Amino acid sequence: MTREQRHALLGPDVIAHIEEIVDAAPEPTPEAVEALHRIFTQPHGATPVEITPAAAAA
């Protein structure tokens, strides 16, 4: 869905309300950013596998 389609579907009043809420929200803490980074880079708690140069060459 494009931005224009979302705006047409929701209307200007709803878009303005959403923007007000987003603007009023505080910045996330570094801890929250780190937690979200782990969630998006390691889904299901998977432990990243470190590839050594010797293993990469094989």
PDB file of N, CA and C in Angstrom:
ATOM      1  N   MET A   1       0.854  -1.164   0.000  1.00  0.00           N
ATOM      2  CA  MET A   1       0.000   0.000   0.000  1.00  0.00           C
ATOM      3  C   MET A   1       0.905   1.234   0.000  1.00  0.00           C
ATOM      4  N   THR A   2       0.609   2.136  -0.870  1.00  0.00           N
ATOM      5  CA  THR A   2       1.416   3.354  -0.964  1.00  0.00           C
ATOM      6  C   THR A   2       0.976   4.374   0.084  1.00  0.00           C
ATOM      7  N   ARG A   3       1.812   5.369   0.270  1.00  0.00           N
ATOM      8  CA  ARG A   3       1.482   6.453   1.202  1.00  0.00           C
ATOM      9  C   ARG A   3       0.180   7.126   0.803  1.00  0.00           C
ATOM     10  N   GLU A   4       0.009   7.350  -0.489  1.00  0.00           N
ATOM     11  CA  GLU A   4      -1.199   8.007  -0.980  1.00  0.00           C
ATOM     12  C   GLU A   4      -2.435   7.154  -0.711  1.00  0.00           C
ATOM     13  N   GLN A   5      -2.310   5.842  -0.878  1.00  0.00           N
ATOM     14  CA  GLN A   5      -3.437   4.948  -0.607  1.00  0.00           C
ATOM     15  C   GLN A   5      -3.798   4.960   0.877  1.00  0.00           C
ATOM     16  N   ARG A   6      -2.769   4.943   1.743  1.00  0.00           N
ATOM     17  CA  ARG A   6      -3.037   4.998   3.190  1.00  0.00           C
ATOM     18  C   ARG A   6      -3.752   6.296   3.551  1.00  0.00           C
ATOM     19  N   HIS A   7      -3.288   7.399   2.994  1.00  0.00           N
ATOM     20  CA  HIS A   7      -3.907   8.696   3.284  1.00  0.00           C
ATOM     21  C   HIS A   7      -5.344   8.728   2.795  1.00  0.00           C
ATOM     22  N   ALA A   8      -5.598   8.180   1.619  1.00  0.00           N
ATOM     23  CA  ALA A   8      -6.956   8.151   1.082  1.00  0.00           C
ATOM     24  C   ALA A   8      -7.861   7.272   1.938  1.00  0.00           C
ATOM     25  N   LEU A   9      -7.336   6.161   2.414  1.00  0.00           N
ATOM     26  CA  LEU A   9      -8.116   5.230   3.221  1.00  0.00           C
ATOM     27  C   LEU A   9      -8.424   5.806   4.604  1.00  0.00           C
ATOM     28  N   LEU A  10      -7.418   6.388   5.251  1.00  0.00           N
ATOM     29  CA  LEU A  10      -7.578   6.879   6.619  1.00  0.00           C
ATOM     30  C   LEU A  10      -8.176   8.274   6.706  1.00  0.00           C
ATOM     31  N   GLY A  11      -7.861   9.120   5.759  1.00  0.00           N
ATOM     32  CA  GLY A  11      -8.351  10.499   5.784  1.00  0.00           C
ATOM     33  C   GLY A  11      -7.411  11.418   6.540  1.00  0.00           C
ATOM     34  N   PRO A  12      -7.496  12.701   6.255  1.00  0.00           N
ATOM     35  CA  PRO A  12      -6.557  13.666   6.838  1.00  0.00           C
ATOM     36  C   PRO A  12      -6.665  13.808   8.354  1.00  0.00           C
ATOM     37  N   ASP A  13      -7.865  13.658   8.913  1.00  0.00           N
ATOM     38  CA  ASP A  13      -8.023  13.806  10.367  1.00  0.00           C
ATOM     39  C   ASP A  13      -7.313  12.681  11.118  1.00  0.00           C
ATOM     40  N   VAL A  14      -7.454  11.458  10.632  1.00  0.00           N
ATOM     41  CA  VAL A  14      -6.806  10.319  11.285  1.00  0.00           C
ATOM     42  C   VAL A  14      -5.291  10.423  11.134  1.00  0.00           C
ATOM     43  N   ILE A  15      -4.825  10.806   9.955  1.00  0.00           N
ATOM     44  CA  ILE A  15      -3.389  10.977   9.727  1.00  0.00           C
ATOM     45  C   ILE A  15      -2.838  12.042  10.677  1.00  0.00           C
ATOM     46  N   ALA A  16      -3.532  13.156  10.821  1.00  0.00           N
ATOM     47  CA  ALA A  16      -3.082  14.219  11.723  1.00  0.00           C
ATOM     48  C   ALA A  16      -3.035  13.716  13.167  1.00  0.00           C
ATOM     49  N   HIS A  17      -4.026  12.936  13.567  1.00  0.00           N
ATOM     50  CA  HIS A  17      -4.056  12.386  14.931  1.00  0.00           C
ATOM     51  C   HIS A  17      -2.877  11.441  15.152  1.00  0.00           C
ATOM     52  N   ILE A  18      -2.608  10.579  14.210  1.00  0.00           N
ATOM     53  CA  ILE A  18      -1.473   9.659  14.321  1.00  0.00           C
ATOM     54  C   ILE A  18      -0.164  10.443  14.429  1.00  0.00           C
ATOM     55  N   GLU A  19       0.001  11.466  13.605  1.00  0.00           N
ATOM     56  CA  GLU A  19       1.233  12.268  13.635  1.00  0.00           C
ATOM     57  C   GLU A  19       1.397  12.973  14.973  1.00  0.00           C
ATOM     58  N   GLU A  20       0.300  13.443  15.575  1.00  0.00           N
ATOM     59  CA  GLU A  20       0.374  14.078  16.894  1.00  0.00           C
ATOM     60  C   GLU A  20       0.863  13.093  17.951  1.00  0.00           C
ATOM     61  N   ILE A  21       0.331  11.889  17.913  1.00  0.00           N
ATOM     62  CA  ILE A  21       0.728  10.868  18.885  1.00  0.00           C
ATOM     63  C   ILE A  21       2.200  10.502  18.714  1.00  0.00           C
ATOM     64  N   VAL A  22       2.626  10.334  17.477  1.00  0.00           N
ATOM     65  CA  VAL A  22       4.023   9.983  17.211  1.00  0.00           C
ATOM     66  C   VAL A  22       4.948  11.112  17.666  1.00  0.00           C
ATOM     67  N   ASP A  23       4.584  12.349  17.375  1.00  0.00           N
ATOM     68  CA  ASP A  23       5.410  13.491  17.775  1.00  0.00           C
ATOM     69  C   ASP A  23       5.509  13.624  19.294  1.00  0.00           C
ATOM     70  N   ALA A  24       4.458  13.223  20.022  1.00  0.00           N
ATOM     71  CA  ALA A  24       4.440  13.352  21.479  1.00  0.00           C
ATOM     72  C   ALA A  24       5.183  12.211  22.173  1.00  0.00           C
ATOM     73  N   ALA A  25       5.449  11.132  21.461  1.00  0.00           N
ATOM     74  CA  ALA A  25       6.106   9.977  22.079  1.00  0.00           C
ATOM     75  C   ALA A  25       7.558  10.307  22.408  1.00  0.00           C
ATOM     76  N   PRO A  26       8.036   9.825  23.552  1.00  0.00           N
ATOM     77  CA  PRO A  26       9.443  10.072  23.910  1.00  0.00           C
ATOM     78  C   PRO A  26      10.380   9.235  23.048  1.00  0.00           C
ATOM     79  N   GLU A  27      11.614   9.664  22.973  1.00  0.00           N
ATOM     80  CA  GLU A  27      12.634   8.892  22.259  1.00  0.00           C
ATOM     81  C   GLU A  27      12.881   7.596  23.018  1.00  0.00           C
ATOM     82  N   PRO A  28      13.155   6.512  22.316  1.00  0.00           N
ATOM     83  CA  PRO A  28      13.406   5.249  23.022  1.00  0.00           C
ATOM     84  C   PRO A  28      14.738   5.306  23.766  1.00  0.00           C
ATOM     85  N   THR A  29      14.812   4.549  24.841  1.00  0.00           N
ATOM     86  CA  THR A  29      16.056   4.477  25.603  1.00  0.00           C
ATOM     87  C   THR A  29      17.053   3.607  24.846  1.00  0.00           C
ATOM     88  N   PRO A  30      18.344   3.764  25.134  1.00  0.00           N
ATOM     89  CA  PRO A  30      19.329   2.894  24.490  1.00  0.00           C
ATOM     90  C   PRO A  30      19.052   1.412  24.760  1.00  0.00           C
ATOM     91  N   GLU A  31      18.529   1.096  25.952  1.00  0.00           N
ATOM     92  CA  GLU A  31      18.207  -0.287  26.274  1.00  0.00           C
ATOM     93  C   GLU A  31      17.091  -0.821  25.378  1.00  0.00           C
ATOM     94  N   ALA A  32      16.084   0.008  25.121  1.00  0.00           N
ATOM     95  CA  ALA A  32      14.980  -0.408  24.250  1.00  0.00           C
ATOM     96  C   ALA A  32      15.469  -0.619  22.822  1.00  0.00           C
ATOM     97  N   VAL A  33      16.333   0.269  22.360  1.00  0.00           N
ATOM     98  CA  VAL A  33      16.886   0.127  21.013  1.00  0.00           C
ATOM     99  C   VAL A  33      17.690  -1.162  20.907  1.00  0.00           C
ATOM    100  N   GLU A  34      18.504  -1.466  21.919  1.00  0.00           N
ATOM    101  CA  GLU A  34      19.310  -2.690  21.915  1.00  0.00           C
ATOM    102  C   GLU A  34      18.413  -3.925  21.945  1.00  0.00           C
ATOM    103  N   ALA A  35      17.367  -3.891  22.757  1.00  0.00           N
ATOM    104  CA  ALA A  35      16.449  -5.032  22.830  1.00  0.00           C
ATOM    105  C   ALA A  35      15.768  -5.260  21.483  1.00  0.00           C
ATOM    106  N   LEU A  36      15.320  -4.199  20.845  1.00  0.00           N
ATOM    107  CA  LEU A  36      14.685  -4.343  19.533  1.00  0.00           C
ATOM    108  C   LEU A  36      15.688  -4.813  18.485  1.00  0.00           C
ATOM    109  N   HIS A  37      16.910  -4.341  18.584  1.00  0.00           N
ATOM    110  CA  HIS A  37      17.948  -4.787  17.651  1.00  0.00           C
ATOM    111  C   HIS A  37      18.145  -6.297  17.776  1.00  0.00           C
ATOM    112  N   ARG A  38      18.212  -6.796  19.016  1.00  0.00           N
ATOM    113  CA  ARG A  38      18.365  -8.240  19.225  1.00  0.00           C
ATOM    114  C   ARG A  38      17.175  -9.007  18.677  1.00  0.00           C
ATOM    115  N   ILE A  39      15.974  -8.496  18.879  1.00  0.00           N
ATOM    116  CA  ILE A  39      14.771  -9.175  18.404  1.00  0.00           C
ATOM    117  C   ILE A  39      14.786  -9.281  16.886  1.00  0.00           C
ATOM    118  N   PHE A  40      15.137  -8.200  16.202  1.00  0.00           N
ATOM    119  CA  PHE A  40      15.091  -8.209  14.746  1.00  0.00           C
ATOM    120  C   PHE A  40      16.265  -8.931  14.111  1.00  0.00           C
ATOM    121  N   THR A  41      17.393  -9.001  14.804  1.00  0.00           N
ATOM    122  CA  THR A  41      18.558  -9.676  14.217  1.00  0.00           C
ATOM    123  C   THR A  41      18.695 -11.113  14.678  1.00  0.00           C
ATOM    124  N   GLN A  42      18.046 -11.469  15.788  1.00  0.00           N
ATOM    125  CA  GLN A  42      18.127 -12.826  16.317  1.00  0.00           C
ATOM    126  C   GLN A  42      16.723 -13.320  16.666  1.00  0.00           C
ATOM    127  N   PRO A  43      15.866 -13.528  15.687  1.00  0.00           N
ATOM    128  CA  PRO A  43      14.505 -13.965  15.997  1.00  0.00           C
ATOM    129  C   PRO A  43      14.505 -15.304  16.732  1.00  0.00           C
ATOM    130  N   HIS A  44      13.552 -15.477  17.595  1.00  0.00           N
ATOM    131  CA  HIS A  44      13.385 -16.695  18.395  1.00  0.00           C
ATOM    132  C   HIS A  44      14.579 -16.948  19.319  1.00  0.00           C
ATOM    133  N   GLY A  45      15.344 -15.895  19.637  1.00  0.00           N
ATOM    134  CA  GLY A  45      16.462 -16.037  20.554  1.00  0.00           C
ATOM    135  C   GLY A  45      17.649 -16.782  19.977  1.00  0.00           C
ATOM    136  N   ALA A  46      17.696 -16.918  18.667  1.00  0.00           N
ATOM    137  CA  ALA A  46      18.801 -17.641  18.035  1.00  0.00           C
ATOM    138  C   ALA A  46      20.122 -16.962  18.354  1.00  0.00           C
ATOM    139  N   THR A  47      21.122 -17.755  18.608  1.00  0.00           N
ATOM    140  CA  THR A  47      22.452 -17.247  18.865  1.00  0.00           C
ATOM    141  C   THR A  47      23.178 -17.113  17.531  1.00  0.00           C
ATOM    142  N   PRO A  48      23.727 -15.932  17.246  1.00  0.00           N
ATOM    143  CA  PRO A  48      24.421 -15.785  15.973  1.00  0.00           C
ATOM    144  C   PRO A  48      25.640 -16.698  15.906  1.00  0.00           C
ATOM    145  N   VAL A  49      25.890 -17.230  14.753  1.00  0.00           N
ATOM    146  CA  VAL A  49      27.022 -18.124  14.545  1.00  0.00           C
ATOM    147  C   VAL A  49      28.184 -17.292  14.023  1.00  0.00           C
ATOM    148  N   GLU A  50      29.312 -17.403  14.701  1.00  0.00           N
ATOM    149  CA  GLU A  50      30.500 -16.673  14.276  1.00  0.00           C
ATOM    150  C   GLU A  50      31.256 -17.514  13.259  1.00  0.00           C
ATOM    151  N   ILE A  51      31.544 -16.933  12.124  1.00  0.00           N
ATOM    152  CA  ILE A  51      32.264 -17.642  11.072  1.00  0.00           C
ATOM    153  C   ILE A  51      33.721 -17.195  11.117  1.00  0.00           C
ATOM    154  N   THR A  52      34.593 -18.154  11.317  1.00  0.00           N
ATOM    155  CA  THR A  52      36.018 -17.849  11.356  1.00  0.00           C
ATOM    156  C   THR A  52      36.533 -17.753   9.920  1.00  0.00           C
ATOM    157  N   PRO A  53      37.638 -17.045   9.684  1.00  0.00           N
ATOM    158  CA  PRO A  53      38.171 -16.937   8.326  1.00  0.00           C
ATOM    159  C   PRO A  53      38.472 -18.315   7.717  1.00  0.00           C
ATOM    160  N   ALA A  54      38.952 -19.268   8.533  1.00  0.00           N
ATOM    161  CA  ALA A  54      39.269 -20.608   7.998  1.00  0.00           C
ATOM    162  C   ALA A  54      37.985 -21.306   7.548  1.00  0.00           C
ATOM    163  N   ALA A  55      36.902 -21.167   8.310  1.00  0.00           N
ATOM    164  CA  ALA A  55      35.650 -21.805   7.941  1.00  0.00           C
ATOM    165  C   ALA A  55      35.047 -21.146   6.704  1.00  0.00           C
ATOM    166  N   ALA A  56      35.230 -19.843   6.566  1.00  0.00           N
ATOM    167  CA  ALA A  56      34.682 -19.128   5.412  1.00  0.00           C
ATOM    168  C   ALA A  56      35.416 -19.542   4.122  1.00  0.00           C
ATOM    169  N   ALA A  57      36.675 -19.862   4.245  1.00  0.00           N
ATOM    170  CA  ALA A  57      37.466 -20.232   3.061  1.00  0.00           C
ATOM    171  C   ALA A  57      37.171 -21.659   2.600  1.00  0.00           C
ATOM    172  N   ALA A  58      36.647 -22.495   3.476  1.00  0.00           N
ATOM    173  CA  ALA A  58      36.405 -23.908   3.143  1.00  0.00           C
ATOM    174  C   ALA A  58      35.238 -24.109   2.214  1.00  0.00           C
TER     175      ALA A  58
END
